[in-house]
């Protein structure tokens, strides 16, 4: 009997782990996700690459986010706007921004202050900021 319970527990654990990401996405609902994907130094500037996904049922025609860039010592370097443009529903998009005068090695933290603009036909209020999912594949910390 004890062996049967262990097998049942193992089966449930495997099923939960395999369905984990899909289940998590379903429970999170409609949202926008922004991943800081890469940094590349270019002539006295830093090219910042984002992977953005609109997980709403409608297209977002224009999404602009206010961001604060901090240096590696925690000081504010600048406040800027990132215009991600159109974000089609259920599609991933890569957006790149070249920030002049910023050394990628001196870029320590990115704070998304909120959505400056979020528009489109049928786009819910706060669609770009409510349940905003942020992540990074770099050494730069991303905050909300």
Protein backbone atom coordinates (compact mmCIF):
# COMPACT_ATOMS: atom_id res chain seq x y z
CA UNK A 1 0.00 0.00 0.00
CA UNK A 2 2.82 2.39 0.84
CA UNK A 3 4.45 1.75 -2.57
CA UNK A 4 1.20 2.53 -4.35
CA UNK A 5 0.92 5.88 -2.53
CA UNK A 6 4.51 6.75 -3.49
CA UNK A 7 3.79 5.95 -7.13
CA UNK A 8 0.63 8.01 -7.03
CA UNK A 9 2.49 10.92 -5.45
CA UNK A 10 5.27 10.67 -8.04
CA UNK A 11 2.74 10.61 -10.88
CA UNK A 12 0.97 13.69 -9.49
CA UNK A 13 4.29 15.50 -9.06
CA UNK A 14 5.34 14.80 -12.66
CA UNK A 15 1.94 15.91 -13.98
CA UNK A 16 2.11 19.14 -11.96
CA UNK A 17 5.64 19.90 -13.09
CA UNK A 18 4.86 19.22 -16.74
CA UNK A 19 1.77 21.42 -16.65
CA UNK A 20 3.40 24.09 -14.49
CA UNK A 21 4.27 26.81 -17.03
CA UNK A 22 1.01 26.42 -18.97
CA UNK A 23 -1.03 26.37 -15.80
CA UNK A 24 0.81 29.42 -14.47
CA UNK A 25 0.13 31.35 -17.69
CA UNK A 26 -3.56 30.44 -17.58
CA UNK A 27 -3.93 31.57 -13.98
CA UNK A 28 -2.07 34.83 -14.61
CA UNK A 29 -4.56 35.86 -17.28
CA UNK A 30 -4.18 38.62 -19.86
CA UNK A 31 -1.04 40.69 -19.43
CA UNK A 32 2.05 42.10 -21.12
CA UNK A 33 5.45 40.56 -20.48
CA UNK A 34 8.74 42.37 -21.02
CA UNK A 35 12.03 40.52 -20.91
CA UNK A 36 15.33 42.42 -20.88
CA UNK A 37 16.97 40.03 -23.30
CA UNK A 38 20.40 41.42 -24.26
CA UNK A 39 22.81 44.33 -23.98
CA UNK A 40 25.36 45.21 -26.63
CA UNK A 41 27.95 47.98 -26.59
CA UNK A 42 27.91 50.14 -29.71
CA UNK A 43 29.92 53.34 -30.31
CA UNK A 44 29.55 55.24 -27.02
CA UNK A 45 26.09 53.72 -26.44
CA UNK A 46 24.32 50.62 -25.21
CA UNK A 47 21.88 48.72 -27.41
CA UNK A 48 19.16 47.27 -25.21
CA UNK A 49 17.08 44.39 -26.62
CA UNK A 50 13.70 43.43 -25.20
CA UNK A 51 11.42 40.49 -25.92
CA UNK A 52 7.84 41.72 -25.49
CA UNK A 53 4.65 39.67 -25.55
CA UNK A 54 1.08 40.89 -25.56
CA UNK A 55 -1.00 38.16 -23.92
CA UNK A 56 -4.28 40.02 -24.26
CA UNK A 57 -6.97 38.95 -26.71
CA UNK A 58 -6.73 42.26 -28.61
CA UNK A 59 -3.86 44.00 -30.38
CA UNK A 60 -2.18 46.90 -28.61
CA UNK A 61 -1.59 49.57 -31.25
CA UNK A 62 0.87 51.63 -29.21
CA UNK A 63 2.71 50.82 -25.98
CA UNK A 64 5.14 53.30 -24.43
CA UNK A 65 6.77 52.66 -21.06
CA UNK A 66 8.49 55.14 -18.75
CA UNK A 67 11.78 53.67 -17.53
CA UNK A 68 14.48 54.69 -15.10
CA UNK A 69 18.04 53.51 -15.80
CA UNK A 70 20.37 53.15 -12.81
CA UNK A 71 24.13 52.73 -12.81
CA UNK A 72 25.85 49.80 -11.09
CA UNK A 73 26.18 51.86 -7.89
CA UNK A 74 22.42 52.44 -7.69
CA UNK A 75 22.36 56.07 -8.84
CA UNK A 76 19.77 57.25 -11.36
CA UNK A 77 21.44 57.68 -14.73
CA UNK A 78 18.38 58.85 -16.65
CA UNK A 79 14.63 58.73 -17.07
CA UNK A 80 13.47 57.78 -20.56
CA UNK A 81 10.55 56.49 -22.61
CA UNK A 82 10.71 53.20 -24.51
CA UNK A 83 8.23 53.14 -27.40
CA UNK A 84 7.50 49.47 -28.07
CA UNK A 85 5.07 50.41 -30.86
CA UNK A 86 2.39 47.93 -31.91
CA UNK A 87 2.10 44.68 -29.97
CA UNK A 88 -0.07 42.13 -31.76
CA UNK A 89 -2.11 39.79 -29.59
CA UNK A 90 -0.45 36.49 -28.67
CA UNK A 91 2.72 37.31 -30.63
CA UNK A 92 6.26 37.92 -29.46
CA UNK A 93 8.16 40.99 -30.66
CA UNK A 94 11.77 42.06 -30.23
CA UNK A 95 12.38 45.77 -29.74
CA UNK A 96 15.80 47.41 -29.59
CA UNK A 97 16.79 50.81 -28.25
CA UNK A 98 20.19 52.48 -28.52
CA UNK A 99 20.86 54.62 -25.44
CA UNK A 100 23.61 57.15 -26.21
CA UNK A 101 26.20 57.88 -23.54
CA UNK A 102 25.37 54.72 -21.60
CA UNK A 103 28.05 52.07 -21.18
CA UNK A 104 26.42 48.65 -20.94
CA UNK A 105 28.93 47.69 -18.23
CA UNK A 106 27.74 50.64 -16.11
CA UNK A 107 24.03 49.73 -16.45
CA UNK A 108 22.95 48.12 -13.18
CA UNK A 109 19.19 48.33 -12.83
CA UNK A 110 16.07 49.11 -14.88
CA UNK A 111 12.87 50.31 -13.24
CA UNK A 112 9.65 50.33 -15.28
CA UNK A 113 7.70 53.23 -13.76
CA UNK A 114 4.58 52.44 -15.73
CA UNK A 115 2.87 52.73 -19.08
CA UNK A 116 2.92 56.24 -20.53
CA UNK A 117 0.73 55.15 -23.46
CA UNK A 118 -1.33 52.00 -24.01
CA UNK A 119 -3.86 52.24 -26.79
CA UNK A 120 -5.82 50.26 -29.33
CA UNK A 121 -9.37 49.26 -30.21
CA UNK A 122 -10.87 47.29 -27.34
CA UNK A 123 -7.71 47.50 -25.20
CA UNK A 124 -8.75 47.34 -21.54
CA UNK A 125 -7.80 50.17 -19.20
CA UNK A 126 -4.41 49.47 -17.59
CA UNK A 127 -3.77 46.62 -20.07
CA UNK A 128 -0.08 47.53 -20.30
CA UNK A 129 0.53 47.89 -16.58
CA UNK A 130 -1.85 45.57 -14.75
CA UNK A 131 -0.15 42.22 -14.07
CA UNK A 132 2.93 43.41 -16.01
CA UNK A 133 5.44 40.55 -16.04
CA UNK A 134 9.11 41.57 -16.00
CA UNK A 135 12.19 39.38 -16.37
CA UNK A 136 15.81 39.55 -17.48
CA UNK A 137 18.39 37.35 -19.18
CA UNK A 138 21.16 39.82 -18.33
CA UNK A 139 22.99 40.86 -15.17
CA UNK A 140 20.82 43.99 -15.03
CA UNK A 141 18.11 43.82 -12.38
CA UNK A 142 14.60 44.69 -13.65
CA UNK A 143 12.07 46.20 -11.25
CA UNK A 144 8.53 47.39 -11.30
